Amino acid sequence: MNEVYTLEVLAKITGIESTTLVQYQERGIIRPQFDDDTVRSLRRVEHLREACGMNLEGVKLLTELLGEVERLREQLRAKR
């Protein structure tokens, strides 16, 4: 089970400002429930922004597509 974090704890764990996290949440990049999955997502988001130079709309689109790919993989595994 994933541990649930407050906004302040999530900011401390990830090193991302609380205001930025709120912005990510408002744009639908991260879910309102902050847990270990959110930490992993934020690491991916920050990598895409910093290393790849993606803007927030691009990050949102790519994370949605990656989530869909993962859901499809899970469905394929379940059918095997």
N, C-alpha and C. Protein backbone atom coordinates (compact mmCIF):
# COMPACT_ATOMS: atom_id res chain seq x y z
N MET A 1 0.84 -1.18 0.00
CA MET A 1 0.00 0.00 0.00
C MET A 1 0.88 1.24 0.00
N ASN A 2 0.50 2.23 -0.78
CA ASN A 2 1.23 3.48 -0.87
C ASN A 2 0.97 4.36 0.33
N GLU A 3 2.01 5.00 0.80
CA GLU A 3 1.85 5.98 1.87
C GLU A 3 1.32 7.28 1.27
N VAL A 4 0.46 7.97 1.99
CA VAL A 4 -0.12 9.23 1.53
C VAL A 4 0.61 10.38 2.20
N TYR A 5 0.93 11.42 1.41
CA TYR A 5 1.70 12.55 1.90
C TYR A 5 0.89 13.84 1.84
N THR A 6 1.24 14.77 2.71
CA THR A 6 0.69 16.12 2.61
C THR A 6 1.47 16.87 1.53
N LEU A 7 0.96 18.01 1.13
CA LEU A 7 1.63 18.83 0.14
C LEU A 7 3.03 19.22 0.62
N GLU A 8 3.14 19.58 1.87
CA GLU A 8 4.43 20.02 2.43
C GLU A 8 5.45 18.88 2.41
N VAL A 9 5.02 17.69 2.79
CA VAL A 9 5.92 16.54 2.80
C VAL A 9 6.32 16.18 1.37
N LEU A 10 5.37 16.21 0.46
CA LEU A 10 5.68 15.92 -0.94
C LEU A 10 6.70 16.90 -1.50
N ALA A 11 6.55 18.17 -1.16
CA ALA A 11 7.51 19.19 -1.60
C ALA A 11 8.90 18.89 -1.05
N LYS A 12 8.96 18.48 0.19
CA LYS A 12 10.25 18.17 0.82
C LYS A 12 10.89 16.93 0.18
N ILE A 13 10.09 15.90 -0.05
CA ILE A 13 10.60 14.66 -0.65
C ILE A 13 11.14 14.90 -2.05
N THR A 14 10.42 15.68 -2.84
CA THR A 14 10.77 15.85 -4.25
C THR A 14 11.66 17.06 -4.51
N GLY A 15 11.70 18.00 -3.56
CA GLY A 15 12.47 19.22 -3.79
C GLY A 15 11.77 20.19 -4.74
N ILE A 16 10.48 19.99 -4.93
CA ILE A 16 9.69 20.85 -5.81
C ILE A 16 8.85 21.78 -4.95
N GLU A 17 8.83 23.05 -5.28
CA GLU A 17 8.07 24.04 -4.52
C GLU A 17 6.59 23.66 -4.44
N SER A 18 5.98 23.95 -3.31
CA SER A 18 4.55 23.66 -3.11
C SER A 18 3.69 24.33 -4.17
N THR A 19 4.03 25.57 -4.52
CA THR A 19 3.24 26.28 -5.54
C THR A 19 3.31 25.58 -6.89
N THR A 20 4.46 25.01 -7.21
CA THR A 20 4.60 24.26 -8.46
C THR A 20 3.78 22.99 -8.41
N LEU A 21 3.78 22.31 -7.26
CA LEU A 21 2.97 21.10 -7.11
C LEU A 21 1.49 21.40 -7.27
N VAL A 22 1.04 22.50 -6.71
CA VAL A 22 -0.36 22.91 -6.85
C VAL A 22 -0.67 23.17 -8.33
N GLN A 23 0.25 23.82 -9.01
CA GLN A 23 0.07 24.09 -10.44
C GLN A 23 -0.04 22.77 -11.22
N TYR A 24 0.81 21.81 -10.91
CA TYR A 24 0.75 20.50 -11.57
C TYR A 24 -0.59 19.83 -11.30
N GLN A 25 -1.06 19.94 -10.07
CA GLN A 25 -2.35 19.34 -9.72
C GLN A 25 -3.49 20.03 -10.47
N GLU A 26 -3.48 21.34 -10.51
CA GLU A 26 -4.53 22.08 -11.20
C GLU A 26 -4.57 21.78 -12.70
N ARG A 27 -3.42 21.50 -13.28
CA ARG A 27 -3.34 21.19 -14.71
C ARG A 27 -3.60 19.72 -15.00
N GLY A 28 -3.78 18.92 -13.94
CA GLY A 28 -4.08 17.51 -14.13
C GLY A 28 -2.86 16.66 -14.39
N ILE A 29 -1.67 17.18 -14.09
CA ILE A 29 -0.44 16.42 -14.30
C ILE A 29 -0.23 15.40 -13.20
N ILE A 30 -0.63 15.76 -11.97
CA ILE A 30 -0.58 14.82 -10.86
C ILE A 30 -1.96 14.75 -10.22
N ARG A 31 -2.21 13.63 -9.55
CA ARG A 31 -3.50 13.43 -8.88
C ARG A 31 -3.55 14.19 -7.57
N PRO A 32 -4.75 14.48 -7.06
CA PRO A 32 -4.87 15.19 -5.79
C PRO A 32 -4.37 14.39 -4.59
N GLN A 33 -4.37 13.07 -4.68
CA GLN A 33 -3.87 12.24 -3.57
C GLN A 33 -2.37 12.04 -3.79
N PHE A 34 -1.58 12.54 -2.85
CA PHE A 34 -0.13 12.48 -2.97
C PHE A 34 0.39 11.22 -2.30
N ASP A 35 0.93 10.31 -3.11
CA ASP A 35 1.45 9.05 -2.59
C ASP A 35 2.74 8.69 -3.31
N ASP A 36 3.22 7.46 -3.12
CA ASP A 36 4.47 7.03 -3.74
C ASP A 36 4.39 7.08 -5.26
N ASP A 37 3.22 6.78 -5.83
CA ASP A 37 3.05 6.88 -7.29
C ASP A 37 3.23 8.33 -7.75
N THR A 38 2.75 9.27 -6.95
CA THR A 38 2.90 10.68 -7.27
C THR A 38 4.37 11.08 -7.26
N VAL A 39 5.12 10.56 -6.30
CA VAL A 39 6.56 10.85 -6.25
C VAL A 39 7.24 10.36 -7.52
N ARG A 40 6.91 9.14 -7.96
CA ARG A 40 7.49 8.60 -9.20
C ARG A 40 7.07 9.45 -10.40
N SER A 41 5.81 9.84 -10.45
CA SER A 41 5.33 10.68 -11.55
C SER A 41 6.07 12.02 -11.58
N LEU A 42 6.27 12.60 -10.41
CA LEU A 42 6.95 13.89 -10.35
C LEU A 42 8.40 13.79 -10.80
N ARG A 43 9.04 12.71 -10.49
CA ARG A 43 10.42 12.52 -10.96
C ARG A 43 10.45 12.46 -12.48
N ARG A 44 9.47 11.77 -13.06
CA ARG A 44 9.38 11.70 -14.52
C ARG A 44 9.09 13.08 -15.10
N VAL A 45 8.15 13.80 -14.50
CA VAL A 45 7.78 15.14 -14.98
C VAL A 45 8.99 16.07 -14.95
N GLU A 46 9.71 16.08 -13.85
CA GLU A 46 10.87 16.96 -13.73
C GLU A 46 11.97 16.58 -14.72
N HIS A 47 12.13 15.28 -14.96
CA HIS A 47 13.11 14.85 -15.97
C HIS A 47 12.71 15.35 -17.35
N LEU A 48 11.45 15.21 -17.69
CA LEU A 48 10.98 15.66 -19.00
C LEU A 48 11.14 17.18 -19.17
N ARG A 49 10.87 17.91 -18.11
CA ARG A 49 11.00 19.37 -18.17
C ARG A 49 12.45 19.81 -18.27
N GLU A 50 13.30 19.22 -17.41
CA GLU A 50 14.69 19.67 -17.33
C GLU A 50 15.56 19.09 -18.45
N ALA A 51 15.52 17.78 -18.63
CA ALA A 51 16.42 17.13 -19.59
C ALA A 51 15.92 17.25 -21.03
N CYS A 52 14.61 17.23 -21.19
CA CYS A 52 14.05 17.23 -22.54
C CYS A 52 13.48 18.59 -22.96
N GLY A 53 13.38 19.50 -22.01
CA GLY A 53 12.88 20.84 -22.33
C GLY A 53 11.40 20.89 -22.69
N MET A 54 10.62 19.97 -22.18
CA MET A 54 9.19 19.95 -22.49
C MET A 54 8.44 20.98 -21.65
N ASN A 55 7.42 21.59 -22.26
CA ASN A 55 6.55 22.48 -21.49
C ASN A 55 5.48 21.65 -20.78
N LEU A 56 4.69 22.30 -19.93
CA LEU A 56 3.72 21.55 -19.12
C LEU A 56 2.66 20.84 -19.94
N GLU A 57 2.24 21.46 -21.04
CA GLU A 57 1.23 20.79 -21.88
C GLU A 57 1.81 19.53 -22.51
N GLY A 58 3.06 19.59 -22.95
CA GLY A 58 3.72 18.42 -23.51
C GLY A 58 3.91 17.34 -22.46
N VAL A 59 4.30 17.75 -21.26
CA VAL A 59 4.48 16.81 -20.15
C VAL A 59 3.16 16.13 -19.84
N LYS A 60 2.08 16.91 -19.77
CA LYS A 60 0.76 16.33 -19.47
C LYS A 60 0.36 15.31 -20.53
N LEU A 61 0.52 15.66 -21.79
CA LEU A 61 0.16 14.75 -22.88
C LEU A 61 0.99 13.47 -22.81
N LEU A 62 2.29 13.61 -22.64
CA LEU A 62 3.15 12.44 -22.59
C LEU A 62 2.85 11.56 -21.39
N THR A 63 2.61 12.15 -20.23
CA THR A 63 2.31 11.33 -19.05
C THR A 63 0.98 10.60 -19.21
N GLU A 64 0.01 11.24 -19.86
CA GLU A 64 -1.26 10.56 -20.13
C GLU A 64 -1.05 9.38 -21.08
N LEU A 65 -0.24 9.58 -22.10
CA LEU A 65 0.04 8.50 -23.05
C LEU A 65 0.80 7.36 -22.38
N LEU A 66 1.78 7.69 -21.56
CA LEU A 66 2.52 6.65 -20.84
C LEU A 66 1.61 5.88 -19.88
N GLY A 67 0.69 6.58 -19.24
CA GLY A 67 -0.29 5.91 -18.37
C GLY A 67 -1.17 4.96 -19.15
N GLU A 68 -1.58 5.38 -20.34
CA GLU A 68 -2.41 4.52 -21.19
C GLU A 68 -1.63 3.29 -21.64
N VAL A 69 -0.38 3.47 -22.00
CA VAL A 69 0.47 2.33 -22.38
C VAL A 69 0.57 1.34 -21.23
N GLU A 70 0.78 1.84 -20.03
CA GLU A 70 0.89 0.95 -18.87
C GLU A 70 -0.43 0.21 -18.62
N ARG A 71 -1.57 0.90 -18.76
CA ARG A 71 -2.87 0.23 -18.59
C ARG A 71 -3.05 -0.89 -19.63
N LEU A 72 -2.64 -0.62 -20.87
CA LEU A 72 -2.76 -1.62 -21.92
C LEU A 72 -1.85 -2.81 -21.65
N ARG A 73 -0.65 -2.55 -21.14
CA ARG A 73 0.27 -3.65 -20.78
C ARG A 73 -0.34 -4.53 -19.69
N GLU A 74 -0.96 -3.88 -18.70
CA GLU A 74 -1.60 -4.64 -17.63
C GLU A 74 -2.73 -5.51 -18.15
N GLN A 75 -3.50 -4.98 -19.12
CA GLN A 75 -4.58 -5.75 -19.70
C GLN A 75 -4.03 -6.95 -20.46
N LEU A 76 -2.93 -6.75 -21.18
CA LEU A 76 -2.32 -7.86 -21.91
C LEU A 76 -1.80 -8.92 -20.96
N ARG A 77 -1.17 -8.51 -19.87
CA ARG A 77 -0.68 -9.46 -18.87
C ARG A 77 -1.82 -10.27 -18.28
N ALA A 78 -2.94 -9.62 -18.03
CA ALA A 78 -4.09 -10.29 -17.43
C ALA A 78 -4.68 -11.33 -18.38
N LYS A 79 -4.56 -11.12 -19.69
CA LYS A 79 -5.13 -12.05 -20.66
C LYS A 79 -4.24 -13.27 -20.88
N ARG A 80 -2.99 -13.19 -20.49
CA ARG A 80 -2.05 -14.30 -20.73
C ARG A 80 -2.19 -15.39 -19.73
